[in-house]
Amino acid sequence: MTEPYQYEVIVVGAGPAGMTAAMYAGRAMLNTLIIERGAPGGELLNTEKIEDYPGFESVLGHELATKFESHAKKFGAKFETATVLKTRKRADGIFEVETEGGPTYTAASVIITAGGTPVKLNVPGELEYAGKGVSYCAICDGAFFKGHTIVVVGGGDAAVEEADFLTRYAEKVYLIHRRGELRASKILQKRLFENPKIEMIWNTVVERIDADSQGLVDNIALRNVETNEQRMLKATGVFVFVGFRPNTGIIEGHVDHDEMGYLRTDPNMETTIKGMFASGDVRSQLTRQVTTAVGDGTTAAIAAEKYLKALKDGTPMAPITGSGGYAV
């Protein structure tokens, strides 16, 4: 490296993995920037209550997000609100993180914790009526459906958990799943099946979402995948939780990933681009929980510290006067 850079570590994404990484990088006295396009918290902000994070028998998602943010800031991590467009490694080994309508930041290492984007059903009416009955966030929109009949689509933890949550507002919740059994954890399934407000519709997919004369959702066309039988279901809301795709499109250049686009890393969370680490939901792994994200972020930050030390040992580094960064 022959040119100055602004930060030793840039963390892309401020979910549990990102804020943990920033906290550990700060503890290591590394000059750290964390960039998030919205409020810090990631998926925590889309989950009302967390009941599987050690030390907290029950904690609100936004409350835990605030604690993560405060902890990272305590150790010196700087937060910036911006949308990251591209992250690239230059020929001299320095990383550039380009933001939309803002500056391009430079760093000696980056940790990608950008999470994912909700998967769409790709059926007629879904995009047209987004925000008019179609939603991807139960906490954000659930209160608008007090006393209504609504539909939740999906079969994993998110779908089951959100269906249960939505019953505090809705009079009736239909959970539609394309298979004959759920993928969600057993404890969540037990809670679901014991809830009298929830009715399962198995082996079924949504074919179309219709609206009334005011453009608000009022009917959902369904099809049984085994019999091809079609039916209309009267409902005013459709909440979609069928997965999400990792936000890996921000990486410029070839980086190894699995068939779904999740980044492959070594045990140190390092990707196939030297000095680029990945943590949390963007990484290829068995589970995607707050606990695993926190573990990933811890490992990535410590590995980044060792990576930077190796660079320093090879080439002496000197502070850039007045910038808080370093030249190499």
C-alpha atoms as a PDB file:
ATOM      1  CA  MET A   1       0.000   0.000   0.000  1.00  0.00           C
ATOM      2  CA  THR A   2       1.430   3.348  -1.037  1.00  0.00           C
ATOM      3  CA  GLU A   3      -1.458   5.804  -0.570  1.00  0.00           C
ATOM      4  CA  PRO A   4      -3.181   7.058   2.580  1.00  0.00           C
ATOM      5  CA  TYR A   5      -6.547   5.688   3.607  1.00  0.00           C
ATOM      6  CA  GLN A   6      -9.159   7.092   5.953  1.00  0.00           C
ATOM      7  CA  TYR A   7     -10.022   4.077   8.100  1.00  0.00           C
ATOM      8  CA  GLU A   8      -8.416   0.864   9.174  1.00  0.00           C
ATOM      9  CA  VAL A   9     -11.789  -0.941   9.101  1.00  0.00           C
ATOM     10  CA  ILE A  10     -15.018  -0.122   7.301  1.00  0.00           C
ATOM     11  CA  VAL A  11     -18.039  -2.202   8.271  1.00  0.00           C
ATOM     12  CA  VAL A  12     -20.836  -2.280   5.672  1.00  0.00           C
ATOM     13  CA  GLY A  13     -24.152  -2.829   7.444  1.00  0.00           C
ATOM     14  CA  ALA A  14     -25.252  -2.101  11.018  1.00  0.00           C
ATOM     15  CA  GLY A  15     -27.126  -5.216  12.007  1.00  0.00           C
ATOM     16  CA  PRO A  16     -26.037  -7.413  14.945  1.00  0.00           C
ATOM     17  CA  ALA A  17     -23.002  -8.720  13.035  1.00  0.00           C
ATOM     18  CA  GLY A  18     -21.913  -5.278  11.870  1.00  0.00           C
ATOM     19  CA  MET A  19     -22.301  -3.542  15.207  1.00  0.00           C
ATOM     20  CA  THR A  20     -20.527  -6.389  17.021  1.00  0.00           C
ATOM     21  CA  ALA A  21     -17.661  -6.184  14.530  1.00  0.00           C
ATOM     22  CA  ALA A  22     -17.486  -2.407  14.985  1.00  0.00           C
ATOM     23  CA  MET A  23     -17.491  -2.784  18.761  1.00  0.00           C
ATOM     24  CA  TYR A  24     -14.627  -5.299  18.716  1.00  0.00           C
ATOM     25  CA  ALA A  25     -12.680  -3.259  16.169  1.00  0.00           C
ATOM     26  CA  GLY A  26     -13.097  -0.240  18.427  1.00  0.00           C
ATOM     27  CA  ARG A  27     -11.892  -2.210  21.437  1.00  0.00           C
ATOM     28  CA  ALA A  28      -8.796  -3.075  19.405  1.00  0.00           C
ATOM     29  CA  MET A  29      -8.211   0.672  18.977  1.00  0.00           C
ATOM     30  CA  LEU A  30      -8.790   0.465  15.224  1.00  0.00           C
ATOM     31  CA  ASN A  31     -10.104   3.519  13.390  1.00  0.00           C
ATOM     32  CA  THR A  32     -13.530   2.146  12.410  1.00  0.00           C
ATOM     33  CA  LEU A  33     -16.426   3.374  10.285  1.00  0.00           C
ATOM     34  CA  ILE A  34     -19.749   1.558  10.046  1.00  0.00           C
ATOM     35  CA  ILE A  35     -22.071   2.474   7.165  1.00  0.00           C
ATOM     36  CA  GLU A  36     -25.812   1.716   7.239  1.00  0.00           C
ATOM     37  CA  ARG A  37     -28.484   2.924   4.824  1.00  0.00           C
ATOM     38  CA  GLY A  38     -31.157   3.118   7.523  1.00  0.00           C
ATOM     39  CA  ALA A  39     -31.415   2.992  11.287  1.00  0.00           C
ATOM     40  CA  PRO A  40     -28.878   0.704  12.993  1.00  0.00           C
ATOM     41  CA  GLY A  41     -30.345  -2.676  13.884  1.00  0.00           C
ATOM     42  CA  GLY A  42     -30.897  -4.650  10.685  1.00  0.00           C
ATOM     43  CA  GLU A  43     -33.395  -7.477  11.138  1.00  0.00           C
ATOM     44  CA  LEU A  44     -33.712  -6.631  14.842  1.00  0.00           C
ATOM     45  CA  LEU A  45     -35.889  -3.711  13.789  1.00  0.00           C
ATOM     46  CA  ASN A  46     -38.243  -6.140  12.015  1.00  0.00           C
ATOM     47  CA  THR A  47     -38.606  -8.389  15.056  1.00  0.00           C
ATOM     48  CA  GLU A  48     -40.737  -7.273  17.960  1.00  0.00           C
ATOM     49  CA  LYS A  49     -39.440  -9.607  20.627  1.00  0.00           C
ATOM     50  CA  ILE A  50     -36.184 -11.595  20.936  1.00  0.00           C
ATOM     51  CA  GLU A  51     -36.370 -14.639  23.205  1.00  0.00           C
ATOM     52  CA  ASP A  52     -33.300 -16.625  22.179  1.00  0.00           C
ATOM     53  CA  TYR A  53     -30.431 -14.224  22.908  1.00  0.00           C
ATOM     54  CA  PRO A  54     -28.457 -15.384  25.960  1.00  0.00           C
ATOM     55  CA  GLY A  55     -28.841 -13.170  28.988  1.00  0.00           C
ATOM     56  CA  PHE A  56     -32.166 -11.746  27.822  1.00  0.00           C
ATOM     57  CA  GLU A  57     -35.140 -14.026  28.416  1.00  0.00           C
ATOM     58  CA  SER A  58     -37.149 -11.484  26.442  1.00  0.00           C
ATOM     59  CA  VAL A  59     -36.027  -8.212  24.867  1.00  0.00           C
ATOM     60  CA  LEU A  60     -37.606  -5.961  22.255  1.00  0.00           C
ATOM     61  CA  GLY A  61     -35.821  -5.956  18.916  1.00  0.00           C
ATOM     62  CA  HIS A  62     -35.393  -2.189  18.766  1.00  0.00           C
ATOM     63  CA  GLU A  63     -34.185  -2.131  22.380  1.00  0.00           C
ATOM     64  CA  LEU A  64     -31.457  -4.682  21.656  1.00  0.00           C
ATOM     65  CA  ALA A  65     -30.493  -2.727  18.519  1.00  0.00           C
ATOM     66  CA  THR A  66     -30.056   0.430  20.594  1.00  0.00           C
ATOM     67  CA  LYS A  67     -27.848  -1.419  23.077  1.00  0.00           C
ATOM     68  CA  PHE A  68     -25.657  -2.753  20.240  1.00  0.00           C
ATOM     69  CA  GLU A  69     -25.305   0.738  18.771  1.00  0.00           C
ATOM     70  CA  SER A  70     -24.429   2.361  22.090  1.00  0.00           C
ATOM     71  CA  HIS A  71     -21.850  -0.315  22.852  1.00  0.00           C
ATOM     72  CA  ALA A  72     -20.109   0.115  19.478  1.00  0.00           C
ATOM     73  CA  LYS A  73     -20.060   3.905  19.862  1.00  0.00           C
ATOM     74  CA  LYS A  74     -18.626   3.592  23.371  1.00  0.00           C
ATOM     75  CA  PHE A  75     -15.493   2.075  21.860  1.00  0.00           C
ATOM     76  CA  GLY A  76     -15.143   4.733  19.194  1.00  0.00           C
ATOM     77  CA  ALA A  77     -16.902   3.334  16.127  1.00  0.00           C
ATOM     78  CA  LYS A  78     -18.174   6.086  13.846  1.00  0.00           C
ATOM     79  CA  PHE A  79     -21.617   5.632  12.228  1.00  0.00           C
ATOM     80  CA  GLU A  80     -22.576   7.066   8.839  1.00  0.00           C
ATOM     81  CA  THR A  81     -26.020   6.837   7.197  1.00  0.00           C
ATOM     82  CA  ALA A  82     -25.550   6.102   3.484  1.00  0.00           C
ATOM     83  CA  THR A  83     -26.353   3.519   0.830  1.00  0.00           C
ATOM     84  CA  VAL A  84     -23.289   1.599  -0.274  1.00  0.00           C
ATOM     85  CA  LEU A  85     -23.168   1.136  -4.043  1.00  0.00           C
ATOM     86  CA  LYS A  86     -19.866  -0.675  -4.506  1.00  0.00           C
ATOM     87  CA  THR A  87     -16.990  -2.051  -2.488  1.00  0.00           C
ATOM     88  CA  ARG A  88     -13.786  -2.700  -4.413  1.00  0.00           C
ATOM     89  CA  LYS A  89     -10.154  -3.538  -3.727  1.00  0.00           C
ATOM     90  CA  ARG A  90      -7.697  -1.417  -5.656  1.00  0.00           C
ATOM     91  CA  ALA A  91      -4.479  -2.724  -7.169  1.00  0.00           C
ATOM     92  CA  ASP A  92      -2.548  -1.174  -4.271  1.00  0.00           C
ATOM     93  CA  GLY A  93      -4.569  -3.200  -1.753  1.00  0.00           C
ATOM     94  CA  ILE A  94      -6.678  -0.348  -0.419  1.00  0.00           C
ATOM     95  CA  PHE A  95     -10.472  -0.798  -0.333  1.00  0.00           C
ATOM     96  CA  GLU A  96     -12.867   1.805  -1.688  1.00  0.00           C
ATOM     97  CA  VAL A  97     -16.460   1.931  -0.441  1.00  0.00           C
ATOM     98  CA  GLU A  98     -18.585   4.038  -2.783  1.00  0.00           C
ATOM     99  CA  THR A  99     -21.832   5.536  -1.445  1.00  0.00           C
ATOM    100  CA  GLU A 100     -24.880   6.885  -3.266  1.00  0.00           C
ATOM    101  CA  GLY A 101     -24.765  10.662  -3.545  1.00  0.00           C
ATOM    102  CA  GLY A 102     -21.924  10.823  -1.053  1.00  0.00           C
ATOM    103  CA  PRO A 103     -18.204  10.287  -0.691  1.00  0.00           C
ATOM    104  CA  THR A 104     -16.146   7.220  -1.480  1.00  0.00           C
ATOM    105  CA  TYR A 105     -14.490   6.047   1.722  1.00  0.00           C
ATOM    106  CA  THR A 106     -11.160   4.212   1.832  1.00  0.00           C
ATOM    107  CA  ALA A 107      -9.913   1.583   4.253  1.00  0.00           C
ATOM    108  CA  ALA A 108      -7.246  -1.043   4.747  1.00  0.00           C
ATOM    109  CA  SER A 109      -9.894  -3.715   5.361  1.00  0.00           C
ATOM    110  CA  VAL A 110     -13.652  -4.131   5.094  1.00  0.00           C
ATOM    111  CA  ILE A 111     -16.213  -6.305   6.835  1.00  0.00           C
ATOM    112  CA  ILE A 112     -19.365  -6.995   4.795  1.00  0.00           C
ATOM    113  CA  THR A 113     -22.455  -7.423   6.989  1.00  0.00           C
ATOM    114  CA  ALA A 114     -25.011  -6.090   4.506  1.00  0.00           C
ATOM    115  CA  GLY A 115     -27.704  -8.693   5.186  1.00  0.00           C
ATOM    116  CA  GLY A 116     -30.301  -9.394   2.523  1.00  0.00           C
ATOM    117  CA  THR A 117     -33.380  -8.153   0.684  1.00  0.00           C
ATOM    118  CA  PRO A 118     -36.816  -9.815   1.087  1.00  0.00           C
ATOM    119  CA  VAL A 119     -37.701 -12.263  -1.681  1.00  0.00           C
ATOM    120  CA  LYS A 120     -40.829 -11.314  -3.623  1.00  0.00           C
ATOM    121  CA  LEU A 121     -43.621 -13.669  -4.669  1.00  0.00           C
ATOM    122  CA  ASN A 122     -43.509 -12.187  -8.186  1.00  0.00           C
ATOM    123  CA  VAL A 123     -47.256 -12.490  -8.681  1.00  0.00           C
ATOM    124  CA  PRO A 124     -49.688  -9.975 -10.210  1.00  0.00           C
ATOM    125  CA  GLY A 125     -50.725  -7.330  -7.707  1.00  0.00           C
ATOM    126  CA  GLU A 126     -47.762  -7.729  -5.368  1.00  0.00           C
ATOM    127  CA  LEU A 127     -45.795  -4.684  -6.466  1.00  0.00           C
ATOM    128  CA  GLU A 128     -48.882  -2.670  -7.398  1.00  0.00           C
ATOM    129  CA  TYR A 129     -50.347  -2.964  -3.906  1.00  0.00           C
ATOM    130  CA  ALA A 130     -47.153  -2.765  -1.838  1.00  0.00           C
ATOM    131  CA  GLY A 131     -48.013  -0.468   1.047  1.00  0.00           C
ATOM    132  CA  LYS A 132     -51.717  -0.868   0.244  1.00  0.00           C
ATOM    133  CA  GLY A 133     -52.126  -4.268   1.835  1.00  0.00           C
ATOM    134  CA  VAL A 134     -48.920  -6.022   0.778  1.00  0.00           C
ATOM    135  CA  SER A 135     -46.134  -5.861   3.353  1.00  0.00           C
ATOM    136  CA  TYR A 136     -42.792  -7.450   4.239  1.00  0.00           C
ATOM    137  CA  CYS A 137     -42.654  -6.174   7.825  1.00  0.00           C
ATOM    138  CA  ALA A 138     -45.179  -7.232  10.464  1.00  0.00           C
ATOM    139  CA  ILE A 139     -43.928  -4.830  13.118  1.00  0.00           C
ATOM    140  CA  CYS A 140     -44.001  -1.915  10.675  1.00  0.00           C
ATOM    141  CA  ASP A 141     -47.516  -2.488   9.368  1.00  0.00           C
ATOM    142  CA  GLY A 142     -49.345  -4.872  11.701  1.00  0.00           C
ATOM    143  CA  ALA A 143     -51.217  -2.144  13.577  1.00  0.00           C
ATOM    144  CA  PHE A 144     -52.943  -1.063  10.346  1.00  0.00           C
ATOM    145  CA  PHE A 145     -54.853  -4.363  10.267  1.00  0.00           C
ATOM    146  CA  LYS A 146     -56.591  -4.289  13.618  1.00  0.00           C
ATOM    147  CA  GLY A 147     -59.688  -6.499  13.421  1.00  0.00           C
ATOM    148  CA  HIS A 148     -58.914  -7.592   9.823  1.00  0.00           C
ATOM    149  CA  THR A 149     -58.428 -10.956   8.162  1.00  0.00           C
ATOM    150  CA  ILE A 150     -54.918 -11.239   6.751  1.00  0.00           C
ATOM    151  CA  VAL A 151     -52.613 -13.709   5.026  1.00  0.00           C
ATOM    152  CA  VAL A 152     -49.017 -14.595   5.854  1.00  0.00           C
ATOM    153  CA  VAL A 153     -46.993 -16.431   3.194  1.00  0.00           C
ATOM    154  CA  GLY A 154     -44.036 -18.628   4.119  1.00  0.00           C
ATOM    155  CA  GLY A 155     -42.983 -21.588   6.237  1.00  0.00           C
ATOM    156  CA  GLY A 156     -39.767 -20.631   8.016  1.00  0.00           C
ATOM    157  CA  ASP A 157     -39.079 -19.036  11.386  1.00  0.00           C
ATOM    158  CA  ALA A 158     -39.866 -15.521  10.162  1.00  0.00           C
ATOM    159  CA  ALA A 159     -43.242 -16.440   8.675  1.00  0.00           C
ATOM    160  CA  VAL A 160     -44.352 -18.439  11.718  1.00  0.00           C
ATOM    161  CA  GLU A 161     -43.128 -15.871  14.234  1.00  0.00           C
ATOM    162  CA  GLU A 162     -44.735 -12.976  12.381  1.00  0.00           C
ATOM    163  CA  ALA A 163     -48.027 -14.839  11.906  1.00  0.00           C
ATOM    164  CA  ASP A 164     -48.185 -15.315  15.663  1.00  0.00           C
ATOM    165  CA  PHE A 165     -47.279 -11.671  16.255  1.00  0.00           C
ATOM    166  CA  LEU A 166     -49.927 -10.398  13.838  1.00  0.00           C
ATOM    167  CA  THR A 167     -52.729 -12.076  15.792  1.00  0.00           C
ATOM    168  CA  ARG A 168     -52.503  -9.275  18.353  1.00  0.00           C
ATOM    169  CA  TYR A 169     -53.984  -7.028  15.667  1.00  0.00           C
ATOM    170  CA  ALA A 170     -55.812  -9.218  13.161  1.00  0.00           C
ATOM    171  CA  GLU A 171     -59.038 -11.049  13.866  1.00  0.00           C
ATOM    172  CA  LYS A 172     -57.917 -13.975  11.694  1.00  0.00           C
ATOM    173  CA  VAL A 173     -54.553 -14.982  10.182  1.00  0.00           C
ATOM    174  CA  TYR A 174     -54.120 -17.553   7.424  1.00  0.00           C
ATOM    175  CA  LEU A 175     -50.616 -18.976   7.063  1.00  0.00           C
ATOM    176  CA  ILE A 176     -50.080 -20.190   3.506  1.00  0.00           C
ATOM    177  CA  HIS A 177     -47.244 -22.609   2.821  1.00  0.00           C
ATOM    178  CA  ARG A 178     -46.391 -24.343  -0.422  1.00  0.00           C
ATOM    179  CA  ARG A 179     -45.396 -27.558   1.360  1.00  0.00           C
ATOM    180  CA  GLY A 180     -47.103 -29.955   3.754  1.00  0.00           C
ATOM    181  CA  GLU A 181     -44.857 -29.158   6.699  1.00  0.00           C
ATOM    182  CA  LEU A 182     -43.181 -26.086   8.102  1.00  0.00           C
ATOM    183  CA  ARG A 183     -39.443 -25.381   8.218  1.00  0.00           C
ATOM    184  CA  ALA A 184     -39.708 -23.277  11.363  1.00  0.00           C
ATOM    185  CA  SER A 185     -38.268 -24.365  14.702  1.00  0.00           C
ATOM    186  CA  LYS A 186     -40.431 -26.706  16.783  1.00  0.00           C
ATOM    187  CA  ILE A 187     -41.025 -24.208  19.594  1.00  0.00           C
ATOM    188  CA  LEU A 188     -42.345 -21.630  17.120  1.00  0.00           C
ATOM    189  CA  GLN A 189     -44.558 -24.240  15.447  1.00  0.00           C
ATOM    190  CA  LYS A 190     -45.994 -25.253  18.822  1.00  0.00           C
ATOM    191  CA  ARG A 191     -46.898 -21.653  19.577  1.00  0.00           C
ATOM    192  CA  LEU A 192     -48.439 -21.268  16.128  1.00  0.00           C
ATOM    193  CA  PHE A 193     -50.612 -24.375  16.303  1.00  0.00           C
ATOM    194  CA  GLU A 194     -51.866 -23.394  19.752  1.00  0.00           C
ATOM    195  CA  ASN A 195     -53.009 -19.982  18.558  1.00  0.00           C
ATOM    196  CA  PRO A 196     -56.773 -20.156  17.819  1.00  0.00           C
ATOM    197  CA  LYS A 197     -56.600 -17.138  15.500  1.00  0.00           C
ATOM    198  CA  ILE A 198     -54.269 -18.882  13.018  1.00  0.00           C
ATOM    199  CA  GLU A 199     -55.380 -21.322  10.331  1.00  0.00           C
ATOM    200  CA  MET A 200     -52.928 -23.230   8.130  1.00  0.00           C
ATOM    201  CA  ILE A 201     -53.423 -23.608   4.380  1.00  0.00           C
ATOM    202  CA  TRP A 202     -51.020 -26.320   3.240  1.00  0.00           C
ATOM    203  CA  ASN A 203     -49.543 -27.128  -0.189  1.00  0.00           C
ATOM    204  CA  THR A 204     -50.769 -23.833  -1.568  1.00  0.00           C
ATOM    205  CA  VAL A 205     -49.294 -20.822  -3.360  1.00  0.00           C
ATOM    206  CA  VAL A 206     -50.531 -17.294  -4.012  1.00  0.00           C
ATOM    207  CA  GLU A 207     -51.368 -16.794  -7.695  1.00  0.00           C
ATOM    208  CA  ARG A 208     -52.637 -13.219  -7.656  1.00  0.00           C
ATOM    209  CA  ILE A 209     -53.455 -10.354  -5.304  1.00  0.00           C
ATOM    210  CA  ASP A 210     -56.572  -8.302  -6.089  1.00  0.00           C
ATOM    211  CA  ALA A 211     -57.707  -4.942  -4.769  1.00  0.00           C
ATOM    212  CA  ASP A 212     -60.974  -3.071  -4.370  1.00  0.00           C
ATOM    213  CA  SER A 213     -62.019   0.097  -6.186  1.00  0.00           C
ATOM    214  CA  GLN A 214     -59.847   2.162  -3.843  1.00  0.00           C
ATOM    215  CA  GLY A 215     -56.731   0.168  -4.666  1.00  0.00           C
ATOM    216  CA  LEU A 216     -56.597  -1.654  -1.329  1.00  0.00           C
ATOM    217  CA  VAL A 217     -56.066  -5.418  -1.117  1.00  0.00           C
ATOM    218  CA  ASP A 218     -59.304  -7.372  -0.670  1.00  0.00           C
ATOM    219  CA  ASN A 219     -58.886 -10.795  -2.345  1.00  0.00           C
ATOM    220  CA  ILE A 220     -56.087 -13.328  -2.796  1.00  0.00           C
ATOM    221  CA  ALA A 221     -56.157 -15.990  -5.518  1.00  0.00           C
ATOM    222  CA  LEU A 222     -54.744 -19.311  -4.277  1.00  0.00           C
ATOM    223  CA  ARG A 223     -53.780 -22.580  -5.976  1.00  0.00           C
ATOM    224  CA  ASN A 224     -53.236 -25.982  -4.387  1.00  0.00           C
ATOM    225  CA  VAL A 225     -49.963 -27.338  -5.829  1.00  0.00           C
ATOM    226  CA  GLU A 226     -51.095 -30.964  -5.491  1.00  0.00           C
ATOM    227  CA  THR A 227     -54.604 -30.753  -6.954  1.00  0.00           C
ATOM    228  CA  ASN A 228     -54.334 -27.485  -8.934  1.00  0.00           C
ATOM    229  CA  GLU A 229     -57.596 -26.478  -7.299  1.00  0.00           C
ATOM    230  CA  GLN A 230     -58.024 -22.704  -7.263  1.00  0.00           C
ATOM    231  CA  ARG A 231     -59.884 -20.596  -4.743  1.00  0.00           C
ATOM    232  CA  MET A 232     -60.323 -16.980  -3.681  1.00  0.00           C
ATOM    233  CA  LEU A 233     -59.616 -15.944  -0.123  1.00  0.00           C
ATOM    234  CA  LYS A 234     -61.073 -12.749   1.282  1.00  0.00           C
ATOM    235  CA  ALA A 235     -58.347 -10.814   3.107  1.00  0.00           C
ATOM    236  CA  THR A 236     -57.177  -7.232   3.413  1.00  0.00           C
ATOM    237  CA  GLY A 237     -53.471  -7.861   3.967  1.00  0.00           C
ATOM    238  CA  VAL A 238     -50.700 -10.069   2.613  1.00  0.00           C
ATOM    239  CA  PHE A 239     -47.470 -10.367   4.603  1.00  0.00           C
ATOM    240  CA  VAL A 240     -44.687 -12.054   2.648  1.00  0.00           C
ATOM    241  CA  PHE A 241     -41.904 -13.947   4.450  1.00  0.00           C
ATOM    242  CA  VAL A 242     -40.467 -16.383   1.904  1.00  0.00           C
ATOM    243  CA  GLY A 243     -36.809 -15.634   2.472  1.00  0.00           C
ATOM    244  CA  PHE A 244     -34.334 -13.049   1.347  1.00  0.00           C
ATOM    245  CA  ARG A 245     -31.373 -12.733  -0.984  1.00  0.00           C
ATOM    246  CA  PRO A 246     -27.972 -11.669   0.313  1.00  0.00           C
ATOM    247  CA  ASN A 247     -26.875  -8.149  -0.617  1.00  0.00           C
ATOM    248  CA  THR A 248     -23.640  -9.249  -2.257  1.00  0.00           C
ATOM    249  CA  GLY A 249     -24.102  -7.173  -5.410  1.00  0.00           C
ATOM    250  CA  ILE A 250     -22.193  -4.360  -3.718  1.00  0.00           C
ATOM    251  CA  ILE A 251     -18.933  -6.290  -4.116  1.00  0.00           C
ATOM    252  CA  GLU A 252     -17.012  -5.437  -7.267  1.00  0.00           C
ATOM    253  CA  GLY A 253     -14.796  -8.240  -8.530  1.00  0.00           C
ATOM    254  CA  HIS A 254     -14.988 -11.995  -8.181  1.00  0.00           C
ATOM    255  CA  VAL A 255     -15.595 -13.362  -4.707  1.00  0.00           C
ATOM    256  CA  ASP A 256     -16.479 -16.971  -3.951  1.00  0.00           C
ATOM    257  CA  HIS A 257     -20.134 -17.610  -3.053  1.00  0.00           C
ATOM    258  CA  ASP A 258     -22.610 -20.484  -2.903  1.00  0.00           C
ATOM    259  CA  GLU A 259     -25.437 -21.199  -5.338  1.00  0.00           C
ATOM    260  CA  MET A 260     -27.756 -18.787  -3.505  1.00  0.00           C
ATOM    261  CA  GLY A 261     -25.234 -15.950  -3.582  1.00  0.00           C
ATOM    262  CA  TYR A 262     -24.155 -16.147   0.067  1.00  0.00           C
ATOM    263  CA  LEU A 263     -20.460 -15.407   0.589  1.00  0.00           C
ATOM    264  CA  ARG A 264     -18.141 -18.290   1.391  1.00  0.00           C
ATOM    265  CA  THR A 265     -15.539 -17.564   4.040  1.00  0.00           C
ATOM    266  CA  ASP A 266     -12.747 -19.358   5.820  1.00  0.00           C
ATOM    267  CA  PRO A 267     -12.990 -19.967   9.598  1.00  0.00           C
ATOM    268  CA  ASN A 268     -11.680 -16.419  10.142  1.00  0.00           C
ATOM    269  CA  MET A 269     -14.622 -14.961   8.190  1.00  0.00           C
ATOM    270  CA  GLU A 270     -12.268 -13.895   5.405  1.00  0.00           C
ATOM    271  CA  THR A 271     -13.602 -14.070   1.848  1.00  0.00           C
ATOM    272  CA  THR A 272     -11.535 -14.998  -1.180  1.00  0.00           C
ATOM    273  CA  ILE A 273     -10.667 -11.301  -1.472  1.00  0.00           C
ATOM    274  CA  LYS A 274      -7.797 -10.804   0.966  1.00  0.00           C
ATOM    275  CA  GLY A 275      -8.691  -8.242   3.610  1.00  0.00           C
ATOM    276  CA  MET A 276     -12.433  -8.494   2.952  1.00  0.00           C
ATOM    277  CA  PHE A 277     -14.370 -10.276   5.679  1.00  0.00           C
ATOM    278  CA  ALA A 278     -18.060 -11.259   5.819  1.00  0.00           C
ATOM    279  CA  SER A 279     -20.390 -11.821   8.760  1.00  0.00           C
ATOM    280  CA  GLY A 280     -24.014 -12.498   9.564  1.00  0.00           C
ATOM    281  CA  ASP A 281     -26.845 -13.131   7.131  1.00  0.00           C
ATOM    282  CA  VAL A 282     -24.711 -12.373   4.072  1.00  0.00           C
ATOM    283  CA  ARG A 283     -22.461 -15.373   4.796  1.00  0.00           C
ATOM    284  CA  SER A 284     -23.045 -18.989   3.739  1.00  0.00           C
ATOM    285  CA  GLN A 285     -23.842 -20.961   6.888  1.00  0.00           C
ATOM    286  CA  LEU A 286     -26.342 -23.323   8.495  1.00  0.00           C
ATOM    287  CA  THR A 287     -28.241 -20.873  10.681  1.00  0.00           C
ATOM    288  CA  ARG A 288     -28.944 -17.141  10.621  1.00  0.00           C
ATOM    289  CA  GLN A 289     -29.676 -16.014  14.153  1.00  0.00           C
ATOM    290  CA  VAL A 290     -28.674 -13.023  16.264  1.00  0.00           C
ATOM    291  CA  THR A 291     -26.301 -15.279  18.191  1.00  0.00           C
ATOM    292  CA  THR A 292     -24.505 -16.534  15.089  1.00  0.00           C
ATOM    293  CA  ALA A 293     -24.314 -13.009  13.663  1.00  0.00           C
ATOM    294  CA  VAL A 294     -22.683 -11.763  16.857  1.00  0.00           C
ATOM    295  CA  GLY A 295     -20.179 -14.634  16.768  1.00  0.00           C
ATOM    296  CA  ASP A 296     -19.379 -13.930  13.122  1.00  0.00           C
ATOM    297  CA  GLY A 297     -18.840 -10.234  13.821  1.00  0.00           C
ATOM    298  CA  THR A 298     -16.512 -11.001  16.724  1.00  0.00           C
ATOM    299  CA  THR A 299     -14.362 -13.328  14.634  1.00  0.00           C
ATOM    300  CA  ALA A 300     -14.280 -10.985  11.647  1.00  0.00           C
ATOM    301  CA  ALA A 301     -13.114  -8.006  13.708  1.00  0.00           C
ATOM    302  CA  ILE A 302     -10.370  -9.968  15.471  1.00  0.00           C
ATOM    303  CA  ALA A 303      -9.259 -11.462  12.132  1.00  0.00           C
ATOM    304  CA  ALA A 304      -9.218  -7.987  10.577  1.00  0.00           C
ATOM    305  CA  GLU A 305      -7.035  -6.769  13.431  1.00  0.00           C
ATOM    306  CA  LYS A 306      -4.548  -9.579  12.745  1.00  0.00           C
ATOM    307  CA  TYR A 307      -4.669  -8.824   9.011  1.00  0.00           C
ATOM    308  CA  LEU A 308      -3.844  -5.174   9.675  1.00  0.00           C
ATOM    309  CA  LYS A 309      -1.036  -6.103  12.074  1.00  0.00           C
ATOM    310  CA  ALA A 310       0.516  -8.266   9.364  1.00  0.00           C
ATOM    311  CA  LEU A 311       0.380  -5.313   6.995  1.00  0.00           C
ATOM    312  CA  LYS A 312       1.996  -3.064   9.577  1.00  0.00           C
ATOM    313  CA  ASP A 313       4.714  -5.580  10.316  1.00  0.00           C
ATOM    314  CA  GLY A 314       5.514  -5.742   6.623  1.00  0.00           C
ATOM    315  CA  THR A 315       5.309  -1.998   5.940  1.00  0.00           C
ATOM    316  CA  PRO A 316       5.611   0.661   8.673  1.00  0.00           C
ATOM    317  CA  MET A 317       2.538   2.858   9.026  1.00  0.00           C
ATOM    318  CA  ALA A 318       2.374   6.531  10.035  1.00  0.00           C
ATOM    319  CA  PRO A 319      -0.656   8.596  11.055  1.00  0.00           C
ATOM    320  CA  ILE A 320      -2.102  11.090   8.587  1.00  0.00           C
ATOM    321  CA  THR A 321      -1.884  14.424  10.405  1.00  0.00           C
ATOM    322  CA  GLY A 322      -5.263  15.601  11.693  1.00  0.00           C
ATOM    323  CA  SER A 323      -7.297  12.878  10.011  1.00  0.00           C
ATOM    324  CA  GLY A 324      -7.385  10.096  12.539  1.00  0.00           C
ATOM    325  CA  GLY A 325      -6.476   7.696   9.724  1.00  0.00           C
ATOM    326  CA  TYR A 326      -3.207   6.163   8.626  1.00  0.00           C
ATOM    327  CA  ALA A 327      -0.812   6.185   5.695  1.00  0.00           C
ATOM    328  CA  VAL A 328       1.096   3.092   4.672  1.00  0.00           C
END
